[in-house]
């Protein structure tokens, strides 16, 4: 007995539609935030500042500026400068243009 593949296709389509609805149902409820906005509301933005570190160990961002942190940052910057001091990036040569002595042919009209 041969089964009709229509029912399998219908079941897969219904599963996809149900999964899409289930995944996006929060965004359509009034008074709720969509997932992207909910993440940004939970995690406050902290501007990056030179020679300072941001500590997230307490669960909240805390900007730290101490002599020990500054020494660590300076040592890391020195290590990066030493690692990249011999690296040079040269511009690449432009591709050679091919010039032909014949003008370009226009397509023939039918």
C-alpha atoms as a PDB file:
ATOM      1  CA  UNK A   1       0.000   0.000   0.000  1.00  0.00           C
ATOM      2  CA  UNK A   2       1.476   3.327  -1.068  1.00  0.00           C
ATOM      3  CA  UNK A   3       0.997   6.365   1.171  1.00  0.00           C
ATOM      4  CA  UNK A   4       0.225   9.795  -0.157  1.00  0.00           C
ATOM      5  CA  UNK A   5       3.162  12.224   0.490  1.00  0.00           C
ATOM      6  CA  UNK A   6       0.680  15.110   0.745  1.00  0.00           C
ATOM      7  CA  UNK A   7      -0.070  14.316   4.403  1.00  0.00           C
ATOM      8  CA  UNK A   8       3.614  14.229   5.315  1.00  0.00           C
ATOM      9  CA  UNK A   9       4.186  17.568   3.583  1.00  0.00           C
ATOM     10  CA  UNK A  10       1.148  19.027   5.336  1.00  0.00           C
ATOM     11  CA  UNK A  11       2.375  17.802   8.742  1.00  0.00           C
ATOM     12  CA  UNK A  12       5.856  19.297   8.185  1.00  0.00           C
ATOM     13  CA  UNK A  13       4.368  22.626   7.067  1.00  0.00           C
ATOM     14  CA  UNK A  14       2.106  22.730  10.123  1.00  0.00           C
ATOM     15  CA  UNK A  15       5.064  21.955  12.369  1.00  0.00           C
ATOM     16  CA  UNK A  16       7.092  24.774  10.850  1.00  0.00           C
ATOM     17  CA  UNK A  17       4.189  27.213  11.191  1.00  0.00           C
ATOM     18  CA  UNK A  18       3.579  26.188  14.806  1.00  0.00           C
ATOM     19  CA  UNK A  19       7.283  26.524  15.621  1.00  0.00           C
ATOM     20  CA  UNK A  20       7.433  29.989  14.047  1.00  0.00           C
ATOM     21  CA  UNK A  21       4.375  31.096  15.979  1.00  0.00           C
ATOM     22  CA  UNK A  22       5.708  29.682  19.261  1.00  0.00           C
ATOM     23  CA  UNK A  23       9.079  31.392  18.774  1.00  0.00           C
ATOM     24  CA  UNK A  24       7.587  34.811  17.918  1.00  0.00           C
ATOM     25  CA  UNK A  25       4.568  34.906  20.243  1.00  0.00           C
ATOM     26  CA  UNK A  26       6.353  37.111  22.856  1.00  0.00           C
ATOM     27  CA  UNK A  27       6.847  39.952  20.380  1.00  0.00           C
ATOM     28  CA  UNK A  28       3.105  40.159  19.671  1.00  0.00           C
ATOM     29  CA  UNK A  29       1.853  40.302  23.267  1.00  0.00           C
ATOM     30  CA  UNK A  30       1.037  43.855  24.344  1.00  0.00           C
ATOM     31  CA  UNK A  31       3.321  45.195  27.038  1.00  0.00           C
ATOM     32  CA  UNK A  32       6.174  42.785  26.339  1.00  0.00           C
ATOM     33  CA  UNK A  33       9.473  43.461  24.651  1.00  0.00           C
ATOM     34  CA  UNK A  34      10.788  41.512  21.684  1.00  0.00           C
ATOM     35  CA  UNK A  35      13.835  39.340  22.476  1.00  0.00           C
ATOM     36  CA  UNK A  36      16.452  41.776  21.090  1.00  0.00           C
ATOM     37  CA  UNK A  37      15.053  44.724  23.039  1.00  0.00           C
ATOM     38  CA  UNK A  38      14.708  42.605  26.180  1.00  0.00           C
ATOM     39  CA  UNK A  39      18.419  41.778  26.120  1.00  0.00           C
ATOM     40  CA  UNK A  40      19.452  45.411  25.752  1.00  0.00           C
ATOM     41  CA  UNK A  41      17.093  46.419  28.586  1.00  0.00           C
ATOM     42  CA  UNK A  42      18.690  43.875  30.924  1.00  0.00           C
ATOM     43  CA  UNK A  43      22.317  44.672  30.036  1.00  0.00           C
ATOM     44  CA  UNK A  44      23.087  48.373  30.394  1.00  0.00           C
ATOM     45  CA  UNK A  45      25.556  49.892  27.952  1.00  0.00           C
ATOM     46  CA  UNK A  46      28.887  50.989  29.389  1.00  0.00           C
ATOM     47  CA  UNK A  47      31.093  53.243  27.273  1.00  0.00           C
ATOM     48  CA  UNK A  48      34.625  51.961  26.694  1.00  0.00           C
ATOM     49  CA  UNK A  49      37.241  54.204  28.269  1.00  0.00           C
ATOM     50  CA  UNK A  50      40.976  54.223  27.564  1.00  0.00           C
ATOM     51  CA  UNK A  51      43.231  52.559  30.180  1.00  0.00           C
ATOM     52  CA  UNK A  52      40.292  51.350  32.253  1.00  0.00           C
ATOM     53  CA  UNK A  53      38.789  47.901  32.644  1.00  0.00           C
ATOM     54  CA  UNK A  54      35.176  46.803  32.969  1.00  0.00           C
ATOM     55  CA  UNK A  55      34.540  44.126  35.596  1.00  0.00           C
ATOM     56  CA  UNK A  56      31.458  41.933  35.086  1.00  0.00           C
ATOM     57  CA  UNK A  57      32.155  39.494  37.939  1.00  0.00           C
ATOM     58  CA  UNK A  58      29.403  40.952  40.141  1.00  0.00           C
ATOM     59  CA  UNK A  59      26.823  40.660  37.368  1.00  0.00           C
ATOM     60  CA  UNK A  60      26.851  44.395  36.707  1.00  0.00           C
ATOM     61  CA  UNK A  61      29.453  46.347  34.712  1.00  0.00           C
ATOM     62  CA  UNK A  62      31.854  48.198  37.000  1.00  0.00           C
ATOM     63  CA  UNK A  63      34.551  50.453  35.515  1.00  0.00           C
ATOM     64  CA  UNK A  64      37.861  50.031  37.347  1.00  0.00           C
ATOM     65  CA  UNK A  65      40.905  52.255  37.284  1.00  0.00           C
ATOM     66  CA  UNK A  66      43.799  51.213  39.523  1.00  0.00           C
ATOM     67  CA  UNK A  67      47.581  51.140  39.305  1.00  0.00           C
ATOM     68  CA  UNK A  68      47.592  47.339  39.071  1.00  0.00           C
ATOM     69  CA  UNK A  69      45.060  47.354  36.194  1.00  0.00           C
ATOM     70  CA  UNK A  70      47.034  50.087  34.396  1.00  0.00           C
ATOM     71  CA  UNK A  71      50.266  48.033  34.712  1.00  0.00           C
ATOM     72  CA  UNK A  72      48.506  44.995  33.214  1.00  0.00           C
ATOM     73  CA  UNK A  73      47.137  47.075  30.320  1.00  0.00           C
ATOM     74  CA  UNK A  74      50.559  48.650  29.648  1.00  0.00           C
ATOM     75  CA  UNK A  75      52.274  45.230  29.672  1.00  0.00           C
ATOM     76  CA  UNK A  76      49.686  43.836  27.244  1.00  0.00           C
ATOM     77  CA  UNK A  77      50.041  46.854  24.937  1.00  0.00           C
ATOM     78  CA  UNK A  78      53.838  46.420  24.956  1.00  0.00           C
ATOM     79  CA  UNK A  79      53.495  42.714  24.121  1.00  0.00           C
ATOM     80  CA  UNK A  80      51.173  43.508  21.203  1.00  0.00           C
ATOM     81  CA  UNK A  81      53.510  46.218  19.896  1.00  0.00           C
ATOM     82  CA  UNK A  82      56.494  43.828  20.092  1.00  0.00           C
ATOM     83  CA  UNK A  83      54.559  41.091  18.282  1.00  0.00           C
ATOM     84  CA  UNK A  84      53.551  43.368  15.414  1.00  0.00           C
ATOM     85  CA  UNK A  85      56.623  45.577  15.022  1.00  0.00           C
ATOM     86  CA  UNK A  86      57.958  43.717  11.941  1.00  0.00           C
ATOM     87  CA  UNK A  87      54.644  43.393  10.121  1.00  0.00           C
ATOM     88  CA  UNK A  88      54.267  45.532   7.005  1.00  0.00           C
ATOM     89  CA  UNK A  89      51.342  45.700   4.657  1.00  0.00           C
ATOM     90  CA  UNK A  90      52.305  46.750   1.152  1.00  0.00           C
ATOM     91  CA  UNK A  91      49.709  47.919  -1.341  1.00  0.00           C
ATOM     92  CA  UNK A  92      49.036  45.409  -4.061  1.00  0.00           C
ATOM     93  CA  UNK A  93      49.778  46.265  -7.662  1.00  0.00           C
ATOM     94  CA  UNK A  94      46.734  47.131  -9.744  1.00  0.00           C
ATOM     95  CA  UNK A  95      45.733  44.443 -12.225  1.00  0.00           C
ATOM     96  CA  UNK A  96      47.282  44.841 -15.657  1.00  0.00           C
ATOM     97  CA  UNK A  97      44.808  46.217 -18.136  1.00  0.00           C
ATOM     98  CA  UNK A  98      44.391  44.242 -21.308  1.00  0.00           C
ATOM     99  CA  UNK A  99      44.150  46.499 -24.313  1.00  0.00           C
ATOM    100  CA  UNK A 100      43.153  45.106 -27.633  1.00  0.00           C
ATOM    101  CA  UNK A 101      43.777  46.820 -30.941  1.00  0.00           C
ATOM    102  CA  UNK A 102      40.229  46.056 -32.096  1.00  0.00           C
ATOM    103  CA  UNK A 103      37.265  48.106 -30.856  1.00  0.00           C
ATOM    104  CA  UNK A 104      34.591  46.254 -28.965  1.00  0.00           C
ATOM    105  CA  UNK A 105      31.999  44.706 -31.229  1.00  0.00           C
ATOM    106  CA  UNK A 106      28.377  45.637 -30.736  1.00  0.00           C
ATOM    107  CA  UNK A 107      25.845  42.845 -30.791  1.00  0.00           C
ATOM    108  CA  UNK A 108      24.202  42.237 -34.122  1.00  0.00           C
ATOM    109  CA  UNK A 109      20.582  43.200 -34.597  1.00  0.00           C
ATOM    110  CA  UNK A 110      18.128  40.462 -35.539  1.00  0.00           C
END
